[in-house]
Amino acid sequence: MKDIMLLDVYPDKGYYKIGQKINIYLEIDCEEEKSITIEIKIFLNNDCIYAQNDEISFKKGIRTYKIVLKMPADKLGGYGVEASINDHKLATAFDVVSKWCDRPRYAFLSDFYKEDEEDIDDVKSLLKHHINVVQFYDWMYKHEDLVPKSDYYTDLLDRELSKIAVENKIKLCKEARILPQAYGAIYASSKEYYSSHKDVALYTNDDKPQNLGDWFFIMNISSESPWREHILNEFKKSITDMGFEGIHMDTYGFPKMAYSKLDGNKKLEKLNEQFPSLINDTKKMLSQEKDESALTFNAVGNWAIEDVAKSNQDAVYIEVWDPQDTYYHLYQLVNRARELSNKQVILAAYLKCFAQKDIYTHDACHSSLLLASATIFACGGFHFVIGEKDGVLPDPYYVNYAKVNKEYRRDIRNYYDFIVRYGDLIFDLNSKDESMTHANGINTECVFSNGNFSSYPKADRVWTLIRTVKGYKTISLVNYTGVKSDIWNEGKEDYPKNLVDIDVQVLVDEEINGVYVASPDFNNCMSEKLEFEYCSIDRGKAIKFRVPRLKIWNLIYIEISN
C-alpha cells in the first residue's frame, strides 16, 4: 500500500531471559489515519513456530508502535522475526539467553558532550543491532580518578564532557537491557598523579618511568602495591556512583615486564602473572554490587591469553594487531581462545581503511567490514567494531570513529540480525570444528565443486568451515574469491565476486531431515530449503545438493534425524 509504509522493525531489548515479555517495535509512515492488520511471524531456523495478527489504528506521519508478543519466552535460543503489512515485509531477530555473555554482542559509545545529553539515537541504533553490552569509552575524569566531581569536566585529552550525558546514556542502556560498561585502564595515571606517587609506578630496566606518550604513566598492579586497592576502589565507584553494570579493563600491551620500587626495593614484575588475580578481584567486587555484571579484560595482541583466559572475566576480549593481520589469524585467535577458556570470544579488530578514504572508496571499506565480520562470526567469534550511531572503528581511540554511509547501513544490520537468529548454530561452545579433517586435500567427506575452495581463510578461495552442532552439521561458505590480499583491515576493491551453483556432496551416516541455506546477504536472512538426493560413493552413502548463490557468507545447515 502506497499510503502506509513499514520503515523498521526491532525488539525492545538487547536480549531476553526465560519468562520475560517480548515486545517488537514497528516504525510506520502513514499518510492518513487508518486501521490495518500487522502480521508477525517468529522463526526458529527454517520453521515458523508462531504467528499473530494485530490490528493497529495508525496516526498520520512517522510513528513508532509496539507489538506485544503473546508467545512466551520459555525456550533458550535465537529467533527470526518477520513483520508484514500486506506484501511489504521487514525482518529482525531476538534471542533468549541465560546471561548476556552467552552471546556477547559488543559495541562502544564515546560521545558524552553537552549536546549529547538529550540524544537517544545512538542507544536506539545499538538496540537495532541487538547489542547487549556497550563500552563507555573515555567517559572518565582522569584515569586514576574516574568519577567526575561536577556535571561538566575536562578529561586528560582536553575534551569538554558532560556527566549528565554519561548518566542519561547509562539509564537508556539499562532500559534497553544493554549492559553499560565503564572503560578503565588498569594501570594508567596522569603525569600529575605519577609525580606524587613515584613509589607505586613501574620503571624500565634503566630506571625511566614506563609511560605512554608522556600522557599516561604505568602504575604497579601487583597485590603488594597500594595502586591495586586504589584502582579497584575507582572501579567500584563507577558502579555505585555512576550506575555502570560492568568494567572493561584496558591494557596497552606493554610493559610485559617492568621494575617496581615499593619501599625502595627494586623488583622485576611479570605483569602476565598479575593479571588473573586482578581480574578475579574485580569480578568479586562486581558480584557483590550487581546480580548480573559485565567484565572484560583487553588481551592486547593476544598477549597473556594463556594466563587470563581461565580467569573470571565473562568473555575473552582480544585487541588484534600486527603481526596477526590475515583472515587466517582471526580464525586462529578465536579458536585458540575458545579452547583455552570455554567462553565466547570478542575480537576488537579495527578497520584502518575507514581512516584512509584518500586510498579506498566507500565500497572498498564496506566490503572490508562485511568480510572481516563474516570471518569472525563464522568461526564463532564476535566482532567489536561498531558503535555510536552508524559508527565504525578505524583505530583504538574510539573518539575518532568513522561513519558508515547510509546506503550500506542495512547490510550491517542484516549481519547482526543473522548472528542473533542463527546464534545456536554459529556460537555453540560445544560445537566441533571439522574443517581441516573433512574437506579438501585428502579429505572427501565433504566435496565442493564450481569454485576454488580452502579449509582455512585464504585469498581468492571460498573458505569451507565445517562444524558439528547438536542435531546439525553446518557448513559456512565465506567467499574471498577475487580478494587479492589476505590483510583483513585493508579496503577490498572490486569485491565481492558473486558465485552461483556451488555443488556440495556430504558423506552421511545419519538420516537427514532437510538441508537449508541462509545468508545475511540475501532475502532478509530467511532460510531457503535446498533439494537434495542420496548418492553412492566409494565410502558409503552421501547426499548432494546445489547452493544457488554465494555473495559473502552462506550458512548451510543439515538437519540430522535424532
Protein backbone atom coordinates (compact mmCIF):
# COMPACT_ATOMS: atom_id res chain seq x y z
CA MET A 1 0.00 0.00 0.00
CA LYS A 2 1.49 3.32 -1.02
CA ASP A 3 -0.25 5.25 1.73
CA ILE A 4 1.35 3.25 4.52
CA MET A 5 4.95 2.08 4.76
CA LEU A 6 6.76 -0.17 7.22
CA LEU A 7 10.08 1.59 7.84
CA ASP A 8 11.71 -0.52 10.51
CA VAL A 9 11.20 -3.38 12.95
CA TYR A 10 13.28 -4.30 16.01
CA PRO A 11 12.88 -5.77 19.53
CA ASP A 12 12.68 -3.57 22.64
CA LYS A 13 15.62 -5.24 24.43
CA GLY A 14 19.18 -6.26 23.60
CA TYR A 15 18.38 -9.76 24.89
CA TYR A 16 15.73 -11.60 26.89
CA LYS A 17 15.69 -14.15 29.66
CA ILE A 18 13.30 -17.03 30.23
CA GLY A 19 9.86 -15.77 31.20
CA GLN A 20 10.35 -12.16 30.13
CA LYS A 21 7.88 -10.39 27.86
CA ILE A 22 9.00 -9.77 24.27
CA ASN A 23 7.93 -6.57 22.56
CA ILE A 24 8.55 -5.65 18.93
CA TYR A 25 8.77 -2.03 17.78
CA LEU A 26 7.43 -1.02 14.37
CA GLU A 27 8.27 2.29 12.74
CA ILE A 28 5.42 3.22 10.36
CA ASP A 29 4.92 6.07 7.91
CA CYS A 30 1.19 6.61 7.30
CA GLU A 31 -0.36 9.25 5.03
CA GLU A 32 -3.69 9.29 6.85
CA GLU A 33 -5.32 7.82 9.95
CA LYS A 34 -6.47 4.25 9.40
CA SER A 35 -6.57 0.78 10.91
CA ILE A 36 -4.72 -2.10 9.35
CA THR A 37 -3.60 -5.59 10.35
CA ILE A 38 0.07 -6.32 11.07
CA GLU A 39 1.22 -9.93 10.83
CA ILE A 40 4.17 -11.06 12.94
CA LYS A 41 5.84 -14.43 12.34
CA ILE A 42 8.50 -15.99 14.56
CA PHE A 43 11.01 -18.46 13.11
CA LEU A 44 13.34 -21.00 14.68
CA ASN A 45 15.86 -21.66 11.93
CA ASN A 46 13.65 -22.66 8.98
CA ASP A 47 10.44 -23.31 10.90
CA CYS A 48 7.70 -20.76 11.54
CA ILE A 49 6.86 -21.62 15.14
CA TYR A 50 4.42 -18.81 15.93
CA ALA A 51 2.30 -16.17 14.22
CA GLN A 52 -0.03 -13.44 15.42
CA ASN A 53 -2.10 -10.71 13.78
CA ASP A 54 -2.65 -7.32 15.42
CA GLU A 55 -4.98 -4.62 14.17
CA ILE A 56 -3.46 -1.21 14.82
CA SER A 57 -5.03 2.21 14.43
CA PHE A 58 -2.32 4.26 12.76
CA LYS A 59 -1.99 8.01 13.07
CA LYS A 60 -0.75 10.27 10.31
CA GLY A 61 3.02 10.68 9.99
CA ILE A 62 6.03 8.63 11.07
CA ARG A 63 5.41 6.97 14.43
CA THR A 64 6.63 4.02 16.47
CA TYR A 65 4.20 1.32 17.61
CA LYS A 66 4.74 -1.58 19.98
CA ILE A 67 3.54 -5.14 19.39
CA VAL A 68 3.42 -7.35 22.49
CA LEU A 69 4.18 -10.93 21.50
CA LYS A 70 1.80 -13.42 23.06
CA MET A 71 4.44 -16.11 22.54
CA PRO A 72 6.06 -16.97 25.86
CA ALA A 73 9.83 -16.73 26.14
CA ASP A 74 10.09 -20.24 27.52
CA LYS A 75 12.93 -21.69 25.46
CA LEU A 76 16.53 -20.52 25.09
CA GLY A 77 17.66 -19.73 21.56
CA GLY A 78 17.81 -17.30 18.68
CA TYR A 79 14.66 -16.40 16.77
CA GLY A 80 13.88 -14.67 13.50
CA VAL A 81 11.05 -12.16 13.23
CA GLU A 82 9.15 -11.20 10.08
CA ALA A 83 6.69 -8.29 10.15
CA SER A 84 4.27 -7.85 7.23
CA ILE A 85 1.85 -5.20 6.04
CA ASN A 86 0.20 -6.79 3.03
CA ASP A 87 3.15 -7.72 0.78
CA HIS A 88 5.65 -5.38 2.45
CA LYS A 89 7.93 -7.36 4.78
CA LEU A 90 10.83 -6.49 7.09
CA ALA A 91 12.82 -8.77 9.36
CA THR A 92 14.63 -8.62 12.67
CA ALA A 93 15.59 -11.10 15.38
CA PHE A 94 15.85 -11.61 19.13
CA ASP A 95 17.35 -14.17 21.45
CA VAL A 96 16.51 -15.68 24.82
CA VAL A 97 19.66 -16.47 26.80
CA SER A 98 20.66 -17.32 30.36
CA LYS A 99 23.08 -14.38 30.55
CA TRP A 100 24.41 -11.70 28.22
CA CYS A 101 27.82 -13.34 27.82
CA ASP A 102 26.23 -16.38 26.16
CA ARG A 103 26.08 -14.11 23.09
CA PRO A 104 28.25 -11.02 23.80
CA ARG A 105 27.32 -8.56 21.06
CA TYR A 106 29.66 -5.73 21.99
CA ALA A 107 29.77 -2.08 20.89
CA PHE A 108 31.01 1.34 22.04
CA LEU A 109 29.82 4.80 22.99
CA SER A 110 32.27 7.69 23.08
CA ASP A 111 30.29 10.95 22.63
CA PHE A 112 29.47 12.49 26.00
CA TYR A 113 29.31 16.18 25.18
CA LYS A 114 26.73 18.68 26.38
CA GLU A 115 24.85 18.33 23.09
CA ASP A 116 24.53 14.58 23.72
CA GLU A 117 22.54 14.95 26.95
CA GLU A 118 19.18 14.51 25.21
CA ASP A 119 20.42 12.30 22.38
CA ILE A 120 18.72 8.90 22.22
CA ASP A 121 19.56 7.91 18.65
CA ASP A 122 22.89 6.28 19.49
CA VAL A 123 21.37 3.87 22.02
CA LYS A 124 18.44 3.20 19.68
CA SER A 125 20.97 2.30 16.97
CA LEU A 126 22.67 -0.14 19.37
CA LEU A 127 19.30 -1.70 20.13
CA LYS A 128 18.52 -2.15 16.43
CA HIS A 129 21.81 -4.04 16.10
CA HIS A 130 20.91 -6.26 19.11
CA ILE A 131 23.88 -5.03 21.13
CA ASN A 132 23.72 -6.34 24.69
CA VAL A 133 26.86 -4.84 26.24
CA VAL A 134 28.43 -1.46 25.49
CA GLN A 135 31.73 0.04 26.48
CA PHE A 136 31.58 3.70 27.55
CA TYR A 137 34.96 4.72 26.21
CA ASP A 138 36.88 7.62 27.82
CA TRP A 139 33.90 8.74 29.87
CA MET A 140 36.00 9.43 32.97
CA TYR A 141 37.56 12.50 34.53
CA LYS A 142 41.05 11.05 34.90
CA HIS A 143 42.43 7.54 34.59
CA GLU A 144 43.27 7.46 38.30
CA ASP A 145 40.18 9.41 39.36
CA LEU A 146 37.33 8.05 37.27
CA VAL A 147 34.11 9.61 38.55
CA PRO A 148 33.67 13.31 37.67
CA LYS A 149 33.07 15.64 40.62
CA SER A 150 30.93 18.08 38.63
CA ASP A 151 28.40 17.99 35.82
CA TYR A 152 30.91 19.35 33.30
CA TYR A 153 34.60 18.48 33.23
CA THR A 154 37.70 18.27 31.03
CA ASP A 155 39.35 14.90 30.50
CA LEU A 156 43.08 14.24 30.14
CA LEU A 157 42.92 14.77 26.37
CA ASP A 158 41.15 18.14 26.79
CA ARG A 159 37.67 17.05 25.78
CA GLU A 160 34.89 19.07 27.42
CA LEU A 161 32.49 16.39 28.66
CA SER A 162 29.12 16.14 30.40
CA LYS A 163 28.50 13.84 33.34
CA ILE A 164 24.78 14.34 32.66
CA ALA A 165 25.21 12.85 29.17
CA VAL A 166 27.03 9.82 30.61
CA GLU A 167 24.34 9.23 33.25
CA ASN A 168 21.50 9.64 30.75
CA LYS A 169 23.05 7.11 28.37
CA ILE A 170 23.61 4.66 31.21
CA LYS A 171 19.90 4.93 32.02
CA LEU A 172 18.88 4.44 28.36
CA CYS A 173 21.09 1.36 28.04
CA LYS A 174 19.61 -0.21 31.17
CA GLU A 175 16.08 0.35 29.87
CA ALA A 176 17.06 -1.42 26.63
CA ARG A 177 18.81 -4.25 28.53
CA ILE A 178 22.20 -3.28 27.14
CA LEU A 179 24.72 -3.59 29.96
CA PRO A 180 26.63 -0.28 30.32
CA GLN A 181 30.30 -0.98 30.94
CA ALA A 182 32.82 1.57 32.25
CA TYR A 183 36.15 1.78 30.48
CA GLY A 184 39.04 1.73 32.94
CA ALA A 185 42.74 1.32 32.20
CA ILE A 186 44.12 -0.96 34.90
CA TYR A 187 47.44 0.85 35.41
CA ALA A 188 47.28 4.27 33.78
CA SER A 189 47.63 7.54 35.68
CA SER A 190 48.16 11.17 34.80
CA LYS A 191 51.63 12.69 34.95
CA GLU A 192 50.45 14.72 37.92
CA TYR A 193 49.50 11.60 39.86
CA TYR A 194 52.76 9.88 38.95
CA SER A 195 54.76 12.86 40.20
CA SER A 196 53.36 12.42 43.70
CA HIS A 197 53.26 8.60 43.68
CA LYS A 198 56.56 7.59 42.11
CA ASP A 199 56.94 4.72 44.55
CA VAL A 200 53.94 2.87 43.03
CA ALA A 201 54.97 3.38 39.40
CA LEU A 202 56.71 0.91 37.10
CA TYR A 203 60.11 1.56 35.52
CA THR A 204 62.28 0.39 32.65
CA ASN A 205 65.46 -1.54 33.27
CA ASP A 206 67.37 1.75 33.06
CA ASP A 207 65.13 3.46 35.65
CA LYS A 208 62.93 5.52 33.34
CA PRO A 209 59.20 5.66 34.17
CA GLN A 210 57.04 3.43 31.99
CA ASN A 211 54.61 5.69 30.12
CA LEU A 212 52.52 6.08 27.00
CA GLY A 213 53.43 9.18 25.07
CA ASP A 214 54.14 11.13 28.27
CA TRP A 215 50.34 11.23 28.80
CA PHE A 216 49.72 8.12 30.86
CA PHE A 217 52.15 6.66 33.37
CA ILE A 218 52.09 2.96 34.23
CA MET A 219 51.41 2.01 37.83
CA ASN A 220 52.29 -1.20 39.69
CA ILE A 221 49.28 -3.55 39.76
CA SER A 222 50.83 -6.23 41.99
CA SER A 223 48.88 -7.33 45.05
CA GLU A 224 51.52 -5.67 47.29
CA SER A 225 51.06 -2.29 45.61
CA PRO A 226 48.65 0.35 47.01
CA TRP A 227 47.63 1.02 43.41
CA ARG A 228 45.64 -2.21 43.23
CA GLU A 229 43.35 -1.20 46.08
CA HIS A 230 43.12 2.29 44.59
CA ILE A 231 42.04 1.20 41.11
CA LEU A 232 39.62 -1.39 42.48
CA ASN A 233 38.01 1.34 44.56
CA GLU A 234 37.75 3.53 41.44
CA PHE A 235 36.09 0.67 39.57
CA LYS A 236 33.66 0.24 42.47
CA LYS A 237 32.74 3.95 42.46
CA SER A 238 31.97 3.64 38.75
CA ILE A 239 29.35 1.07 39.71
CA THR A 240 27.96 2.63 42.89
CA ASP A 241 28.17 6.34 41.99
CA MET A 242 27.55 6.30 38.23
CA GLY A 243 25.36 3.23 37.83
CA PHE A 244 27.54 1.25 35.45
CA GLU A 245 26.98 -2.51 35.37
CA GLY A 246 30.46 -3.62 34.43
CA ILE A 247 34.10 -2.76 33.79
CA HIS A 248 36.21 -3.04 30.68
CA MET A 249 39.76 -3.48 31.99
CA ASP A 250 42.11 -1.99 29.41
CA THR A 251 45.81 -2.61 28.95
CA TYR A 252 48.29 -1.24 26.43
CA GLY A 253 50.09 -4.48 25.56
CA PHE A 254 53.19 -3.22 27.33
CA PRO A 255 55.14 -3.38 29.52
CA LYS A 256 55.27 -7.14 29.70
CA MET A 257 57.85 -6.93 32.44
CA ALA A 258 58.94 -3.88 34.43
CA TYR A 259 60.60 -2.86 37.67
CA SER A 260 58.79 -1.67 40.79
CA LYS A 261 60.29 0.38 43.65
CA LEU A 262 57.97 -0.25 46.58
CA ASP A 263 59.66 0.78 49.84
CA GLY A 264 62.80 1.49 47.88
CA ASN A 265 63.21 -2.16 46.83
CA LYS A 266 63.74 -2.74 43.14
CA LYS A 267 61.86 -5.81 41.91
CA LEU A 268 61.14 -7.28 38.49
CA GLU A 269 57.36 -7.57 37.96
CA LYS A 270 55.89 -10.00 35.43
CA LEU A 271 52.54 -8.49 34.57
CA ASN A 272 51.05 -11.57 32.92
CA GLU A 273 51.29 -13.34 36.28
CA GLN A 274 49.44 -10.49 38.00
CA PHE A 275 46.55 -10.09 35.56
CA PRO A 276 44.44 -13.09 36.66
CA SER A 277 44.23 -12.11 40.33
CA LEU A 278 43.39 -8.51 39.42
CA ILE A 279 40.63 -9.72 37.08
CA ASN A 280 39.30 -12.05 39.78
CA ASP A 281 39.38 -9.31 42.43
CA THR A 282 37.43 -7.03 40.09
CA LYS A 283 34.83 -9.72 39.35
CA LYS A 284 34.41 -10.39 43.07
CA MET A 285 33.70 -6.71 43.65
CA LEU A 286 31.20 -6.61 40.77
CA SER A 287 29.41 -9.70 42.03
CA GLN A 288 28.94 -8.06 45.41
CA GLU A 289 27.38 -4.98 43.78
CA LYS A 290 25.37 -6.43 40.84
CA ASP A 291 23.31 -9.55 40.22
CA GLU A 292 24.50 -9.52 36.62
CA SER A 293 27.62 -7.66 35.55
CA ALA A 294 29.92 -7.39 32.55
CA LEU A 295 33.67 -7.83 32.97
CA THR A 296 36.14 -7.97 30.09
CA PHE A 297 39.92 -7.67 30.01
CA ASN A 298 41.87 -6.48 26.98
CA ALA A 299 44.49 -9.04 25.95
CA VAL A 300 46.24 -6.67 23.54
CA GLY A 301 47.73 -8.50 20.58
CA ASN A 302 46.69 -11.79 22.24
CA TRP A 303 49.46 -11.36 24.80
CA ALA A 304 48.96 -13.24 28.08
CA ILE A 305 45.93 -15.10 26.71
CA GLU A 306 47.16 -18.33 28.33
CA ASP A 307 47.18 -16.56 31.71
CA VAL A 308 43.90 -14.65 31.51
CA ALA A 309 41.64 -16.99 29.51
CA LYS A 310 40.56 -19.00 32.54
CA SER A 311 40.18 -16.00 34.85
CA ASN A 312 36.76 -14.79 35.99
CA GLN A 313 36.13 -12.42 33.12
CA ASP A 314 32.80 -13.04 31.40
CA ALA A 315 34.10 -13.30 27.85
CA VAL A 316 37.56 -13.31 26.31
CA TYR A 317 38.43 -9.99 24.67
CA ILE A 318 41.40 -9.65 22.29
CA GLU A 319 42.51 -6.45 20.56
CA VAL A 320 44.02 -7.60 17.26
CA TRP A 321 47.27 -6.06 15.99
CA ASP A 322 50.08 -6.87 13.59
CA PRO A 323 51.52 -9.37 13.01
CA GLN A 324 48.10 -11.03 13.30
CA ASP A 325 46.99 -9.33 10.12
CA THR A 326 45.39 -12.01 7.94
CA TYR A 327 41.94 -13.59 7.90
CA TYR A 328 43.55 -16.86 8.96
CA HIS A 329 44.92 -15.13 12.06
CA LEU A 330 41.39 -14.06 13.03
CA TYR A 331 40.29 -17.70 12.75
CA GLN A 332 43.24 -18.85 14.87
CA LEU A 333 42.65 -16.24 17.55
CA VAL A 334 39.02 -17.22 18.04
CA ASN A 335 39.69 -20.95 18.03
CA ARG A 336 42.60 -20.79 20.46
CA ALA A 337 40.82 -18.51 22.92
CA ARG A 338 37.70 -20.70 22.90
CA GLU A 339 39.81 -23.79 23.55
CA LEU A 340 41.62 -22.14 26.47
CA SER A 341 38.59 -20.56 28.11
CA ASN A 342 35.42 -22.36 27.01
CA LYS A 343 33.97 -18.84 26.80
CA GLN A 344 32.76 -16.67 23.98
CA VAL A 345 35.45 -14.57 22.28
CA ILE A 346 35.32 -10.91 21.24
CA LEU A 347 37.86 -9.60 18.73
CA ALA A 348 38.44 -5.85 18.69
CA ALA A 349 39.51 -5.75 15.05
CA TYR A 350 39.69 -2.13 13.90
CA LEU A 351 39.36 -1.36 10.19
CA LYS A 352 42.05 1.17 9.37
CA CYS A 353 40.73 1.52 5.82
CA PHE A 354 37.90 3.71 7.19
CA ALA A 355 40.55 6.31 8.10
CA GLN A 356 42.13 6.08 4.64
CA LYS A 357 39.40 7.47 2.43
CA ASP A 358 42.07 9.03 0.20
CA ILE A 359 43.18 5.48 -0.64
CA TYR A 360 39.96 3.45 -0.51
CA THR A 361 36.45 4.02 -1.83
CA HIS A 362 33.34 3.71 0.34
CA ASP A 363 32.60 0.42 -1.44
CA ALA A 364 36.04 -0.95 -0.56
CA CYS A 365 35.67 -0.03 3.12
CA HIS A 366 32.19 -1.50 3.30
CA SER A 367 33.34 -4.76 1.71
CA SER A 368 36.24 -4.90 4.18
CA LEU A 369 33.86 -4.51 7.12
CA LEU A 370 31.45 -7.21 5.99
CA LEU A 371 34.21 -9.67 5.09
CA ALA A 372 36.08 -9.19 8.38
CA SER A 373 32.85 -9.55 10.35
CA ALA A 374 31.81 -12.61 8.34
CA THR A 375 35.19 -14.23 9.05
CA ILE A 376 34.96 -13.60 12.80
CA PHE A 377 31.27 -14.51 13.13
CA ALA A 378 31.53 -17.66 11.01
CA CYS A 379 34.22 -19.16 13.25
CA GLY A 380 32.17 -18.42 16.37
CA GLY A 381 33.65 -15.09 17.48
CA PHE A 382 32.12 -11.65 17.97
CA HIS A 383 33.45 -8.58 16.16
CA PHE A 384 33.86 -5.40 18.20
CA VAL A 385 33.95 -2.60 15.64
CA ILE A 386 30.59 -0.73 15.60
CA GLY A 387 29.03 1.78 17.95
CA GLU A 388 27.54 5.23 18.45
CA LYS A 389 25.08 5.86 15.60
CA ASP A 390 26.32 4.07 12.49
CA GLY A 391 29.92 4.38 13.67
CA VAL A 392 32.81 2.04 12.87
CA LEU A 393 36.26 2.00 14.46
CA PRO A 394 39.39 2.61 12.36
CA ASP A 395 41.77 2.82 15.35
CA PRO A 396 41.90 2.33 19.16
CA TYR A 397 40.96 5.91 20.05
CA TYR A 398 37.22 5.46 19.69
CA VAL A 399 36.51 9.19 19.65
CA ASN A 400 37.87 9.10 16.08
CA TYR A 401 35.19 6.70 14.84
CA ALA A 402 34.15 6.88 11.19
CA LYS A 403 30.62 6.91 9.83
CA VAL A 404 29.16 4.21 7.62
CA ASN A 405 27.48 5.59 4.52
CA LYS A 406 23.69 5.50 4.61
CA GLU A 407 23.33 3.11 1.66
CA TYR A 408 25.36 0.42 3.48
CA ARG A 409 23.71 0.52 6.90
CA ARG A 410 21.01 -2.02 6.19
CA ASP A 411 23.68 -4.54 5.13
CA ILE A 412 25.35 -4.26 8.53
CA ARG A 413 22.01 -4.57 10.32
CA ASN A 414 21.39 -7.78 8.38
CA TYR A 415 24.63 -9.28 9.69
CA TYR A 416 23.61 -8.61 13.29
CA ASP A 417 20.09 -9.91 12.67
CA PHE A 418 21.68 -13.02 11.20
CA ILE A 419 24.01 -13.85 14.11
CA VAL A 420 21.12 -13.44 16.55
CA ARG A 421 18.70 -15.53 14.51
CA TYR A 422 21.16 -18.39 13.88
CA GLY A 423 23.25 -17.97 17.02
CA ASP A 424 22.59 -21.53 18.20
CA LEU A 425 24.22 -22.88 15.03
CA ILE A 426 27.11 -20.40 14.99
CA PHE A 427 28.21 -19.86 18.61
CA ASP A 428 27.68 -23.20 20.34
CA LEU A 429 30.78 -23.68 22.53
CA ASN A 430 30.32 -27.45 22.30
CA SER A 431 30.46 -27.50 18.52
CA LYS A 432 33.26 -29.43 16.83
CA ASP A 433 35.31 -27.83 14.04
CA GLU A 434 35.96 -30.40 11.30
CA SER A 435 37.19 -28.00 8.62
CA MET A 436 40.73 -29.36 8.33
CA THR A 437 39.77 -33.04 8.52
CA HIS A 438 36.59 -33.40 6.44
CA ALA A 439 37.14 -31.41 3.23
CA ASN A 440 39.78 -30.54 0.65
CA GLY A 441 43.18 -32.15 0.24
CA ILE A 442 42.96 -35.88 1.03
CA ASN A 443 39.58 -35.45 2.77
CA THR A 444 36.47 -36.49 0.84
CA GLU A 445 33.75 -36.41 3.50
CA CYS A 446 32.69 -33.05 2.02
CA VAL A 447 33.37 -32.28 -1.62
CA PHE A 448 32.74 -28.88 -3.20
CA SER A 449 32.59 -28.07 -6.91
CA ASN A 450 32.25 -24.98 -9.15
CA GLY A 451 34.71 -22.78 -7.27
CA ASN A 452 38.13 -22.74 -5.63
CA PHE A 453 37.92 -23.92 -2.03
CA SER A 454 40.10 -23.93 1.08
CA SER A 455 39.76 -25.35 4.59
CA TYR A 456 41.03 -22.10 6.08
CA PRO A 457 40.60 -18.42 5.14
CA LYS A 458 42.70 -17.69 2.06
CA ALA A 459 42.73 -15.05 -0.67
CA ASP A 460 40.87 -15.94 -3.87
CA ARG A 461 39.26 -19.02 -2.30
CA VAL A 462 35.97 -19.97 -0.69
CA TRP A 463 36.53 -20.95 2.93
CA THR A 464 34.62 -24.13 3.82
CA LEU A 465 34.13 -24.05 7.60
CA ILE A 466 32.55 -27.32 8.71
CA ARG A 467 31.11 -27.90 12.15
CA THR A 468 29.07 -30.47 14.01
CA VAL A 469 26.47 -28.93 16.33
CA LYS A 470 23.89 -30.90 18.30
CA GLY A 471 21.31 -32.05 15.74
CA TYR A 472 23.08 -30.42 12.78
CA LYS A 473 26.08 -30.39 10.53
CA THR A 474 26.83 -26.83 9.43
CA ILE A 475 28.95 -25.52 6.58
CA SER A 476 29.85 -21.86 6.39
CA LEU A 477 30.98 -20.68 2.98
CA VAL A 478 32.93 -17.43 3.26
CA ASN A 479 33.79 -16.00 -0.12
CA TYR A 480 37.24 -14.49 -0.66
CA THR A 481 37.05 -15.07 -4.41
CA GLY A 482 38.62 -12.06 -6.13
CA VAL A 483 40.30 -10.84 -2.93
CA LYS A 484 43.91 -10.04 -3.79
CA SER A 485 45.16 -9.57 -0.22
CA ASP A 486 44.59 -11.59 2.95
CA ILE A 487 45.06 -8.47 5.11
CA TRP A 488 41.73 -8.09 6.90
CA ASN A 489 41.78 -4.33 7.68
CA GLU A 490 42.60 -3.15 4.17
CA GLY A 491 39.92 -1.96 1.76
CA LYS A 492 38.63 -4.58 -0.66
CA GLU A 493 38.18 -3.08 -4.11
CA ASP A 494 36.11 -4.97 -6.70
CA TYR A 495 34.70 -7.32 -4.07
CA PRO A 496 32.68 -9.48 -3.74
CA LYS A 497 32.83 -11.70 -6.79
CA ASN A 498 29.50 -13.49 -6.62
CA LEU A 499 29.39 -17.23 -7.27
CA VAL A 500 26.49 -19.38 -8.45
CA ASP A 501 25.59 -23.07 -8.44
CA ILE A 502 28.10 -24.47 -5.96
CA ASP A 503 27.68 -28.23 -5.83
CA VAL A 504 28.17 -29.95 -2.47
CA GLN A 505 28.48 -33.64 -1.64
CA VAL A 506 28.47 -34.74 2.02
CA LEU A 507 29.09 -38.24 3.37
CA VAL A 508 26.31 -39.03 5.87
CA ASP A 509 25.90 -41.74 8.47
CA GLU A 510 22.61 -40.44 9.91
CA GLU A 511 19.22 -39.90 8.31
CA ILE A 512 18.78 -36.37 7.00
CA ASN A 513 15.60 -34.39 7.69
CA GLY A 514 16.47 -31.43 5.49
CA VAL A 515 19.16 -29.19 4.02
CA TYR A 516 18.89 -25.40 4.31
CA VAL A 517 20.92 -22.35 3.41
CA ALA A 518 20.70 -18.87 4.92
CA SER A 519 22.73 -15.73 4.40
CA PRO A 520 22.88 -12.19 5.77
CA ASP A 521 23.40 -11.09 2.16
CA PHE A 522 20.02 -12.22 0.77
CA ASN A 523 16.32 -12.45 1.44
CA ASN A 524 16.12 -10.77 4.89
CA CYS A 525 18.18 -13.64 6.38
CA MET A 526 15.38 -16.12 5.67
CA SER A 527 16.34 -19.77 5.25
CA GLU A 528 15.87 -21.49 1.90
CA LYS A 529 15.24 -25.23 1.73
CA LEU A 530 17.56 -27.00 -0.70
CA GLU A 531 16.58 -30.09 -2.63
CA PHE A 532 18.97 -32.96 -2.02
CA GLU A 533 19.34 -36.55 -3.15
CA TYR A 534 21.22 -39.55 -1.89
CA CYS A 535 24.07 -40.98 -3.89
CA SER A 536 26.51 -43.85 -3.51
CA ILE A 537 30.24 -43.13 -3.29
CA ASP A 538 33.22 -45.37 -2.60
CA ARG A 539 32.99 -44.71 1.15
CA GLY A 540 29.26 -45.19 1.52
CA LYS A 541 26.07 -43.17 1.19
CA ALA A 542 26.24 -39.40 0.65
CA ILE A 543 23.89 -36.57 -0.14
CA LYS A 544 24.40 -33.99 -2.83
CA PHE A 545 22.78 -30.60 -3.30
CA ARG A 546 23.37 -27.28 -5.03
CA VAL A 547 23.83 -23.87 -3.40
CA PRO A 548 22.30 -21.40 -5.87
CA ARG A 549 24.37 -18.30 -4.98
CA LEU A 550 27.11 -17.01 -2.70
CA LYS A 551 27.93 -13.37 -2.13
CA ILE A 552 29.98 -13.08 1.09
CA TRP A 553 28.72 -15.57 3.70
CA ASN A 554 26.33 -18.52 3.43
CA LEU A 555 25.41 -20.80 6.32
CA ILE A 556 24.33 -24.27 5.23
CA TYR A 557 22.73 -26.37 7.94
CA ILE A 558 21.91 -30.02 7.53
CA GLU A 559 19.30 -31.24 9.99
CA ILE A 560 20.10 -34.70 11.29
CA SER A 561 17.39 -37.08 12.44
CA ASN A 562 17.76 -37.91 16.14
